[in-house]
Amino acid sequence: MPPATSRTKRAAPRTAQVAEHLKAYIVERGLRPGDRLPGEAELIAALGKSKGTVREAMRILGAQGLIRTRTGPGGGVFVADVSADHAVSLLANFFYFRDLSIDDLYQLRILLEPELAASVAGRIPPETMERFRAETTRFDSPPATAEEEREQHVASLAFHRDLAELCPNPLLAFVVGFIAKTLSDLTVFRRLYEPRNLELWAMGHDYHARLLDALERGDADSARAIMRDHMQAALRLMRDQEVKVAKRFLA
């Protein structure tokens, strides 16, 4: 890769600044997902920047998922609704080289998930509650193989992501969902599910059943307390899993 010249170093911040101006332009005009942006000439005039700079800024917003281009009849550049999956992917890239640990993740889970559980108590639609209970019943028996162990770990964390989607606080919902997804990926990547741990299975199954009862009753205080105990117990057992994996590797 050729070294950056002083000109390119100046251009990059300027282009990023124009991208921020474009975002402000969208907000100030009250544009919503699906709305078409003005044509290139109008944007150049509004922003007072060159065609090349505006185009590069548009590419930045496209990479961020904030706008999308549609070709053909009725085409143009439109404001996009950034999906949670896209936002999670961008944030995951940020943490890619930061070696998140089980303790890092559970430090936040212990703080946030009890409040999330309290916020959704009594708010879960009956059909969703039925699905949650069916998923819990599906794992009434302990896993017999490593594959079943992995499946149960992933399903358990998927439940926490699904619960987060019901949270009325979008920021809390996103952070909890991101942490659960990251922990799921970490568990599979490090194969933390392989050392068979019946205590972990029994504990998770029991907490999920009790939590669903409290959520269905609309008992926010009980839901908060059950989730807090669940997270603290899970941290202890997941630490044990990490130790077992490390010993197996050394052996």
C-alpha atoms as a PDB file:
ATOM      1  CA  MET A   1       0.000   0.000   0.000  1.00  0.00           C
ATOM      2  CA  PRO A   2       1.522   3.377  -0.987  1.00  0.00           C
ATOM      3  CA  PRO A   3       2.200   5.826   1.837  1.00  0.00           C
ATOM      4  CA  ALA A   4      -0.399   8.519   2.402  1.00  0.00           C
ATOM      5  CA  THR A   5       0.655  11.902   1.091  1.00  0.00           C
ATOM      6  CA  SER A   6      -0.048  15.166   2.881  1.00  0.00           C
ATOM      7  CA  ARG A   7      -2.770  15.805   0.300  1.00  0.00           C
ATOM      8  CA  THR A   8      -4.595  12.515   0.970  1.00  0.00           C
ATOM      9  CA  LYS A   9      -4.250  13.031   4.736  1.00  0.00           C
ATOM     10  CA  ARG A  10      -6.010  16.389   4.371  1.00  0.00           C
ATOM     11  CA  ALA A  11      -8.658  14.977   2.009  1.00  0.00           C
ATOM     12  CA  ALA A  12      -9.777  12.147   4.291  1.00  0.00           C
ATOM     13  CA  PRO A  13     -10.848  14.346   7.244  1.00  0.00           C
ATOM     14  CA  ARG A  14     -12.486  16.807   4.816  1.00  0.00           C
ATOM     15  CA  THR A  15     -14.516  14.028   3.191  1.00  0.00           C
ATOM     16  CA  ALA A  16     -15.555  12.668   6.591  1.00  0.00           C
ATOM     17  CA  GLN A  17     -16.619  16.193   7.565  1.00  0.00           C
ATOM     18  CA  VAL A  18     -18.763  16.453   4.441  1.00  0.00           C
ATOM     19  CA  ALA A  19     -20.331  13.083   5.313  1.00  0.00           C
ATOM     20  CA  GLU A  20     -21.270  14.537   8.701  1.00  0.00           C
ATOM     21  CA  HIS A  21     -22.728  17.601   6.947  1.00  0.00           C
ATOM     22  CA  LEU A  22     -24.776  15.271   4.765  1.00  0.00           C
ATOM     23  CA  LYS A  23     -26.151  13.526   7.861  1.00  0.00           C
ATOM     24  CA  ALA A  24     -27.038  16.922   9.333  1.00  0.00           C
ATOM     25  CA  TYR A  25     -28.717  17.843   6.025  1.00  0.00           C
ATOM     26  CA  ILE A  26     -30.885  14.706   6.251  1.00  0.00           C
ATOM     27  CA  VAL A  27     -31.872  15.469   9.856  1.00  0.00           C
ATOM     28  CA  GLU A  28     -32.576  19.172   9.282  1.00  0.00           C
ATOM     29  CA  ARG A  29     -34.936  18.401   6.416  1.00  0.00           C
ATOM     30  CA  GLY A  30     -36.718  15.702   8.369  1.00  0.00           C
ATOM     31  CA  LEU A  31     -35.924  12.984   5.846  1.00  0.00           C
ATOM     32  CA  ARG A  32     -36.925   9.469   6.917  1.00  0.00           C
ATOM     33  CA  PRO A  33     -35.930   5.991   5.708  1.00  0.00           C
ATOM     34  CA  GLY A  34     -37.192   5.561   2.166  1.00  0.00           C
ATOM     35  CA  ASP A  35     -37.079   9.280   1.331  1.00  0.00           C
ATOM     36  CA  ARG A  36     -35.081  10.276  -1.722  1.00  0.00           C
ATOM     37  CA  LEU A  37     -32.102  12.591  -1.371  1.00  0.00           C
ATOM     38  CA  PRO A  38     -31.837  15.612  -3.694  1.00  0.00           C
ATOM     39  CA  GLY A  39     -29.804  15.227  -6.854  1.00  0.00           C
ATOM     40  CA  GLU A  40     -26.042  15.527  -6.896  1.00  0.00           C
ATOM     41  CA  ALA A  41     -26.038  19.064  -8.292  1.00  0.00           C
ATOM     42  CA  GLU A  42     -28.369  20.288  -5.537  1.00  0.00           C
ATOM     43  CA  LEU A  43     -26.223  18.658  -2.839  1.00  0.00           C
ATOM     44  CA  ILE A  44     -23.050  20.170  -4.270  1.00  0.00           C
ATOM     45  CA  ALA A  45     -24.684  23.606  -4.196  1.00  0.00           C
ATOM     46  CA  ALA A  46     -26.111  23.103  -0.685  1.00  0.00           C
ATOM     47  CA  LEU A  47     -22.820  21.860   0.783  1.00  0.00           C
ATOM     48  CA  GLY A  48     -20.516  24.097  -1.242  1.00  0.00           C
ATOM     49  CA  LYS A  49     -18.143  21.208  -2.008  1.00  0.00           C
ATOM     50  CA  SER A  50     -16.704  19.673  -5.151  1.00  0.00           C
ATOM     51  CA  LYS A  51     -18.392  16.811  -7.003  1.00  0.00           C
ATOM     52  CA  GLY A  52     -15.591  14.389  -6.061  1.00  0.00           C
ATOM     53  CA  THR A  53     -15.796  15.263  -2.353  1.00  0.00           C
ATOM     54  CA  VAL A  54     -19.602  14.916  -2.266  1.00  0.00           C
ATOM     55  CA  ARG A  55     -19.451  11.573  -4.068  1.00  0.00           C
ATOM     56  CA  GLU A  56     -16.838  10.233  -1.677  1.00  0.00           C
ATOM     57  CA  ALA A  57     -18.917  11.408   1.296  1.00  0.00           C
ATOM     58  CA  MET A  58     -21.921   9.579  -0.195  1.00  0.00           C
ATOM     59  CA  ARG A  59     -19.816   6.420  -0.424  1.00  0.00           C
ATOM     60  CA  ILE A  60     -18.962   6.768   3.270  1.00  0.00           C
ATOM     61  CA  LEU A  61     -22.644   7.024   4.210  1.00  0.00           C
ATOM     62  CA  GLY A  62     -23.409   4.055   1.965  1.00  0.00           C
ATOM     63  CA  ALA A  63     -20.766   1.952   3.722  1.00  0.00           C
ATOM     64  CA  GLN A  64     -22.288   2.976   7.053  1.00  0.00           C
ATOM     65  CA  GLY A  65     -25.686   1.796   5.849  1.00  0.00           C
ATOM     66  CA  LEU A  66     -27.273   5.266   6.124  1.00  0.00           C
ATOM     67  CA  ILE A  67     -28.118   5.617   2.437  1.00  0.00           C
ATOM     68  CA  ARG A  68     -28.659   3.243  -0.454  1.00  0.00           C
ATOM     69  CA  THR A  69     -28.591   3.715  -4.215  1.00  0.00           C
ATOM     70  CA  ARG A  70     -31.258   2.272  -6.482  1.00  0.00           C
ATOM     71  CA  THR A  71     -30.775   2.174 -10.248  1.00  0.00           C
ATOM     72  CA  GLY A  72     -33.326   2.052 -13.020  1.00  0.00           C
ATOM     73  CA  PRO A  73     -36.698   3.801 -13.263  1.00  0.00           C
ATOM     74  CA  GLY A  74     -37.535   5.558 -10.023  1.00  0.00           C
ATOM     75  CA  GLY A  75     -33.944   5.143  -8.903  1.00  0.00           C
ATOM     76  CA  GLY A  76     -31.750   7.516  -7.002  1.00  0.00           C
ATOM     77  CA  VAL A  77     -30.180   7.823  -3.578  1.00  0.00           C
ATOM     78  CA  PHE A  78     -32.454   7.089  -0.631  1.00  0.00           C
ATOM     79  CA  VAL A  79     -32.210   7.356   3.138  1.00  0.00           C
ATOM     80  CA  ALA A  80     -31.805   3.846   4.565  1.00  0.00           C
ATOM     81  CA  ASP A  81     -32.980   2.391   7.856  1.00  0.00           C
ATOM     82  CA  VAL A  82     -29.775   1.025   9.393  1.00  0.00           C
ATOM     83  CA  SER A  83     -30.476  -2.543  10.474  1.00  0.00           C
ATOM     84  CA  ALA A  84     -29.456  -3.816  13.897  1.00  0.00           C
ATOM     85  CA  ASP A  85     -27.436  -6.573  12.200  1.00  0.00           C
ATOM     86  CA  HIS A  86     -25.441  -3.990  10.230  1.00  0.00           C
ATOM     87  CA  ALA A  87     -24.792  -1.922  13.354  1.00  0.00           C
ATOM     88  CA  VAL A  88     -23.718  -5.049  15.271  1.00  0.00           C
ATOM     89  CA  SER A  89     -21.302  -5.976  12.479  1.00  0.00           C
ATOM     90  CA  LEU A  90     -19.693  -2.530  12.543  1.00  0.00           C
ATOM     91  CA  LEU A  91     -19.349  -2.618  16.328  1.00  0.00           C
ATOM     92  CA  ALA A  92     -17.975  -6.168  16.223  1.00  0.00           C
ATOM     93  CA  ASN A  93     -15.273  -4.940  13.826  1.00  0.00           C
ATOM     94  CA  PHE A  94     -14.312  -2.295  16.374  1.00  0.00           C
ATOM     95  CA  PHE A  95     -13.774  -4.954  19.046  1.00  0.00           C
ATOM     96  CA  TYR A  96     -12.136  -7.477  16.692  1.00  0.00           C
ATOM     97  CA  PHE A  97      -8.604  -6.993  18.032  1.00  0.00           C
ATOM     98  CA  ARG A  98      -9.526  -6.043  21.587  1.00  0.00           C
ATOM     99  CA  ASP A  99      -9.703  -9.557  23.076  1.00  0.00           C
ATOM    100  CA  LEU A 100     -12.988  -9.296  24.935  1.00  0.00           C
ATOM    101  CA  SER A 101     -13.100 -11.706  27.856  1.00  0.00           C
ATOM    102  CA  ILE A 102     -15.925 -13.559  29.580  1.00  0.00           C
ATOM    103  CA  ASP A 103     -15.477 -11.206  32.544  1.00  0.00           C
ATOM    104  CA  ASP A 104     -15.711  -8.124  30.292  1.00  0.00           C
ATOM    105  CA  LEU A 105     -19.008  -9.295  28.879  1.00  0.00           C
ATOM    106  CA  TYR A 106     -20.541 -10.445  32.148  1.00  0.00           C
ATOM    107  CA  GLN A 107     -19.561  -7.245  33.926  1.00  0.00           C
ATOM    108  CA  LEU A 108     -22.086  -5.516  31.687  1.00  0.00           C
ATOM    109  CA  ARG A 109     -24.592  -8.377  31.621  1.00  0.00           C
ATOM    110  CA  ILE A 110     -24.861  -8.317  35.422  1.00  0.00           C
ATOM    111  CA  LEU A 111     -25.575  -4.580  35.332  1.00  0.00           C
ATOM    112  CA  LEU A 112     -27.864  -4.360  32.314  1.00  0.00           C
ATOM    113  CA  GLU A 113     -29.854  -7.549  31.892  1.00  0.00           C
ATOM    114  CA  PRO A 114     -31.680  -7.360  35.253  1.00  0.00           C
ATOM    115  CA  GLU A 115     -32.975  -3.916  34.264  1.00  0.00           C
ATOM    116  CA  LEU A 116     -33.923  -5.150  30.831  1.00  0.00           C
ATOM    117  CA  ALA A 117     -35.854  -8.062  32.360  1.00  0.00           C
ATOM    118  CA  ALA A 118     -37.715  -5.678  34.670  1.00  0.00           C
ATOM    119  CA  SER A 119     -38.583  -3.409  31.732  1.00  0.00           C
ATOM    120  CA  VAL A 120     -40.261  -6.190  29.728  1.00  0.00           C
ATOM    121  CA  ALA A 121     -42.165  -7.804  32.636  1.00  0.00           C
ATOM    122  CA  GLY A 122     -45.839  -7.956  31.718  1.00  0.00           C
ATOM    123  CA  ARG A 123     -45.120  -6.671  28.192  1.00  0.00           C
ATOM    124  CA  ILE A 124     -44.482  -9.951  26.361  1.00  0.00           C
ATOM    125  CA  PRO A 125     -47.213 -10.894  23.844  1.00  0.00           C
ATOM    126  CA  PRO A 126     -48.867 -14.278  24.561  1.00  0.00           C
ATOM    127  CA  GLU A 127     -47.631 -15.819  21.298  1.00  0.00           C
ATOM    128  CA  THR A 128     -44.062 -14.773  22.101  1.00  0.00           C
ATOM    129  CA  MET A 129     -44.331 -16.150  25.635  1.00  0.00           C
ATOM    130  CA  GLU A 130     -45.602 -19.423  24.194  1.00  0.00           C
ATOM    131  CA  ARG A 131     -42.584 -19.581  21.894  1.00  0.00           C
ATOM    132  CA  PHE A 132     -40.196 -18.870  24.794  1.00  0.00           C
ATOM    133  CA  ARG A 133     -41.750 -21.656  26.871  1.00  0.00           C
ATOM    134  CA  ALA A 134     -41.626 -24.107  23.962  1.00  0.00           C
ATOM    135  CA  GLU A 135     -37.926 -23.373  23.511  1.00  0.00           C
ATOM    136  CA  THR A 136     -37.271 -23.924  27.225  1.00  0.00           C
ATOM    137  CA  THR A 137     -39.225 -27.209  27.159  1.00  0.00           C
ATOM    138  CA  ARG A 138     -37.183 -28.356  24.161  1.00  0.00           C
ATOM    139  CA  PHE A 139     -34.156 -28.495  26.428  1.00  0.00           C
ATOM    140  CA  ASP A 140     -35.770 -30.311  29.357  1.00  0.00           C
ATOM    141  CA  SER A 141     -33.149 -33.057  29.022  1.00  0.00           C
ATOM    142  CA  PRO A 142     -29.422 -32.430  29.396  1.00  0.00           C
ATOM    143  CA  PRO A 143     -27.360 -32.511  26.199  1.00  0.00           C
ATOM    144  CA  ALA A 144     -26.006 -35.931  25.249  1.00  0.00           C
ATOM    145  CA  THR A 145     -23.354 -34.788  22.750  1.00  0.00           C
ATOM    146  CA  ALA A 146     -21.021 -31.857  22.175  1.00  0.00           C
ATOM    147  CA  GLU A 147     -23.213 -30.791  19.267  1.00  0.00           C
ATOM    148  CA  GLU A 148     -26.293 -30.689  21.509  1.00  0.00           C
ATOM    149  CA  GLU A 149     -24.254 -28.799  24.112  1.00  0.00           C
ATOM    150  CA  ARG A 150     -23.334 -26.178  21.508  1.00  0.00           C
ATOM    151  CA  GLU A 151     -26.932 -25.963  20.293  1.00  0.00           C
ATOM    152  CA  GLN A 152     -28.237 -25.344  23.804  1.00  0.00           C
ATOM    153  CA  HIS A 153     -25.636 -22.650  24.543  1.00  0.00           C
ATOM    154  CA  VAL A 154     -26.488 -20.835  21.312  1.00  0.00           C
ATOM    155  CA  ALA A 155     -30.256 -21.178  21.881  1.00  0.00           C
ATOM    156  CA  SER A 156     -29.945 -19.864  25.438  1.00  0.00           C
ATOM    157  CA  LEU A 157     -28.147 -16.727  24.279  1.00  0.00           C
ATOM    158  CA  ALA A 158     -30.603 -16.319  21.387  1.00  0.00           C
ATOM    159  CA  PHE A 159     -33.357 -16.183  24.026  1.00  0.00           C
ATOM    160  CA  HIS A 160     -31.590 -13.245  25.677  1.00  0.00           C
ATOM    161  CA  ARG A 161     -31.326 -11.457  22.307  1.00  0.00           C
ATOM    162  CA  ASP A 162     -35.013 -12.077  21.635  1.00  0.00           C
ATOM    163  CA  LEU A 163     -35.856 -10.718  25.077  1.00  0.00           C
ATOM    164  CA  ALA A 164     -33.791  -7.614  24.356  1.00  0.00           C
ATOM    165  CA  GLU A 165     -35.817  -6.921  21.206  1.00  0.00           C
ATOM    166  CA  LEU A 166     -38.896  -6.455  23.415  1.00  0.00           C
ATOM    167  CA  CYS A 167     -37.250  -3.765  25.544  1.00  0.00           C
ATOM    168  CA  PRO A 168     -38.853  -0.299  25.217  1.00  0.00           C
ATOM    169  CA  ASN A 169     -35.425   1.347  25.591  1.00  0.00           C
ATOM    170  CA  PRO A 170     -33.757   0.959  22.152  1.00  0.00           C
ATOM    171  CA  LEU A 171     -30.252   1.681  23.458  1.00  0.00           C
ATOM    172  CA  LEU A 172     -30.515  -0.879  26.265  1.00  0.00           C
ATOM    173  CA  ALA A 173     -31.996  -3.375  23.801  1.00  0.00           C
ATOM    174  CA  PHE A 174     -29.140  -2.891  21.342  1.00  0.00           C
ATOM    175  CA  VAL A 175     -26.337  -3.138  23.903  1.00  0.00           C
ATOM    176  CA  VAL A 176     -27.757  -6.274  25.543  1.00  0.00           C
ATOM    177  CA  GLY A 177     -28.382  -7.869  22.154  1.00  0.00           C
ATOM    178  CA  PHE A 178     -24.841  -7.063  21.020  1.00  0.00           C
ATOM    179  CA  ILE A 179     -23.323  -8.544  24.180  1.00  0.00           C
ATOM    180  CA  ALA A 180     -25.388 -11.742  23.864  1.00  0.00           C
ATOM    181  CA  LYS A 181     -24.405 -12.114  20.194  1.00  0.00           C
ATOM    182  CA  THR A 182     -20.732 -11.527  21.011  1.00  0.00           C
ATOM    183  CA  LEU A 183     -20.838 -14.055  23.849  1.00  0.00           C
ATOM    184  CA  SER A 184     -22.501 -16.595  21.567  1.00  0.00           C
ATOM    185  CA  ASP A 185     -19.771 -16.152  18.942  1.00  0.00           C
ATOM    186  CA  LEU A 186     -17.076 -16.327  21.622  1.00  0.00           C
ATOM    187  CA  THR A 187     -18.543 -19.521  23.084  1.00  0.00           C
ATOM    188  CA  VAL A 188     -18.588 -21.238  19.701  1.00  0.00           C
ATOM    189  CA  PHE A 189     -15.172 -19.943  18.602  1.00  0.00           C
ATOM    190  CA  ARG A 190     -13.448 -21.006  21.832  1.00  0.00           C
ATOM    191  CA  ARG A 191     -15.556 -24.179  22.057  1.00  0.00           C
ATOM    192  CA  LEU A 192     -16.527 -23.342  25.625  1.00  0.00           C
ATOM    193  CA  TYR A 193     -19.518 -25.659  25.273  1.00  0.00           C
ATOM    194  CA  GLU A 194     -17.432 -28.812  24.886  1.00  0.00           C
ATOM    195  CA  PRO A 195     -16.517 -29.586  28.509  1.00  0.00           C
ATOM    196  CA  ARG A 196     -19.802 -31.195  29.568  1.00  0.00           C
ATOM    197  CA  ASN A 197     -21.267 -29.254  32.449  1.00  0.00           C
ATOM    198  CA  LEU A 198     -24.576 -30.524  33.800  1.00  0.00           C
ATOM    199  CA  GLU A 199     -24.605 -27.821  36.455  1.00  0.00           C
ATOM    200  CA  LEU A 200     -24.520 -25.144  33.762  1.00  0.00           C
ATOM    201  CA  TRP A 201     -27.393 -26.836  31.907  1.00  0.00           C
ATOM    202  CA  ALA A 202     -29.533 -27.309  35.030  1.00  0.00           C
ATOM    203  CA  MET A 203     -28.870 -23.785  36.249  1.00  0.00           C
ATOM    204  CA  GLY A 204     -29.725 -22.178  32.925  1.00  0.00           C
ATOM    205  CA  HIS A 205     -32.865 -24.268  32.465  1.00  0.00           C
ATOM    206  CA  ASP A 206     -34.134 -23.458  35.963  1.00  0.00           C
ATOM    207  CA  TYR A 207     -33.431 -19.719  35.717  1.00  0.00           C
ATOM    208  CA  HIS A 208     -35.119 -19.422  32.331  1.00  0.00           C
ATOM    209  CA  ALA A 209     -38.266 -21.196  33.587  1.00  0.00           C
ATOM    210  CA  ARG A 210     -38.448 -19.021  36.725  1.00  0.00           C
ATOM    211  CA  LEU A 211     -37.757 -15.875  34.742  1.00  0.00           C
ATOM    212  CA  LEU A 212     -40.569 -16.627  32.289  1.00  0.00           C
ATOM    213  CA  ASP A 213     -42.987 -17.103  35.200  1.00  0.00           C
ATOM    214  CA  ALA A 214     -42.047 -13.690  36.629  1.00  0.00           C
ATOM    215  CA  LEU A 215     -42.243 -12.003  33.229  1.00  0.00           C
ATOM    216  CA  GLU A 216     -45.659 -13.482  32.525  1.00  0.00           C
ATOM    217  CA  ARG A 217     -46.942 -12.341  35.930  1.00  0.00           C
ATOM    218  CA  GLY A 218     -45.626  -8.846  35.258  1.00  0.00           C
ATOM    219  CA  ASP A 219     -43.502  -9.044  38.421  1.00  0.00           C
ATOM    220  CA  ALA A 220     -40.671  -6.644  37.554  1.00  0.00           C
ATOM    221  CA  ASP A 221     -38.903  -6.937  40.935  1.00  0.00           C
ATOM    222  CA  SER A 222     -38.772 -10.736  40.772  1.00  0.00           C
ATOM    223  CA  ALA A 223     -37.674 -10.674  37.122  1.00  0.00           C
ATOM    224  CA  ARG A 224     -34.851  -8.279  38.016  1.00  0.00           C
ATOM    225  CA  ALA A 225     -33.684 -10.414  40.970  1.00  0.00           C
ATOM    226  CA  ILE A 226     -33.863 -13.706  39.029  1.00  0.00           C
ATOM    227  CA  MET A 227     -31.918 -12.265  36.101  1.00  0.00           C
ATOM    228  CA  ARG A 228     -29.264 -10.810  38.400  1.00  0.00           C
ATOM    229  CA  ASP A 229     -28.773 -14.170  40.146  1.00  0.00           C
ATOM    230  CA  HIS A 230     -28.746 -15.888  36.754  1.00  0.00           C
ATOM    231  CA  MET A 231     -25.987 -13.639  35.400  1.00  0.00           C
ATOM    232  CA  GLN A 232     -23.834 -13.975  38.505  1.00  0.00           C
ATOM    233  CA  ALA A 233     -24.140 -17.771  38.525  1.00  0.00           C
ATOM    234  CA  ALA A 234     -23.490 -17.943  34.787  1.00  0.00           C
ATOM    235  CA  LEU A 235     -20.295 -15.914  35.169  1.00  0.00           C
ATOM    236  CA  ARG A 236     -18.967 -18.344  37.770  1.00  0.00           C
ATOM    237  CA  LEU A 237     -19.755 -21.372  35.624  1.00  0.00           C
ATOM    238  CA  MET A 238     -18.445 -19.841  32.397  1.00  0.00           C
ATOM    239  CA  ARG A 239     -15.182 -19.064  34.156  1.00  0.00           C
ATOM    240  CA  ASP A 240     -15.003 -22.744  35.064  1.00  0.00           C
ATOM    241  CA  GLN A 241     -15.593 -23.636  31.409  1.00  0.00           C
ATOM    242  CA  GLU A 242     -12.683 -21.429  30.346  1.00  0.00           C
ATOM    243  CA  VAL A 243     -10.380 -23.128  32.868  1.00  0.00           C
ATOM    244  CA  LYS A 244     -11.422 -26.585  31.626  1.00  0.00           C
ATOM    245  CA  VAL A 245     -10.825 -25.596  28.015  1.00  0.00           C
ATOM    246  CA  ALA A 246      -7.373 -24.226  28.899  1.00  0.00           C
ATOM    247  CA  LYS A 247      -6.435 -27.417  30.749  1.00  0.00           C
ATOM    248  CA  ARG A 248      -7.615 -29.559  27.844  1.00  0.00           C
ATOM    249  CA  PHE A 249      -5.512 -27.485  25.466  1.00  0.00           C
ATOM    250  CA  LEU A 250      -2.417 -27.841  27.644  1.00  0.00           C
ATOM    251  CA  ALA A 251      -2.976 -31.586  27.941  1.00  0.00           C
END
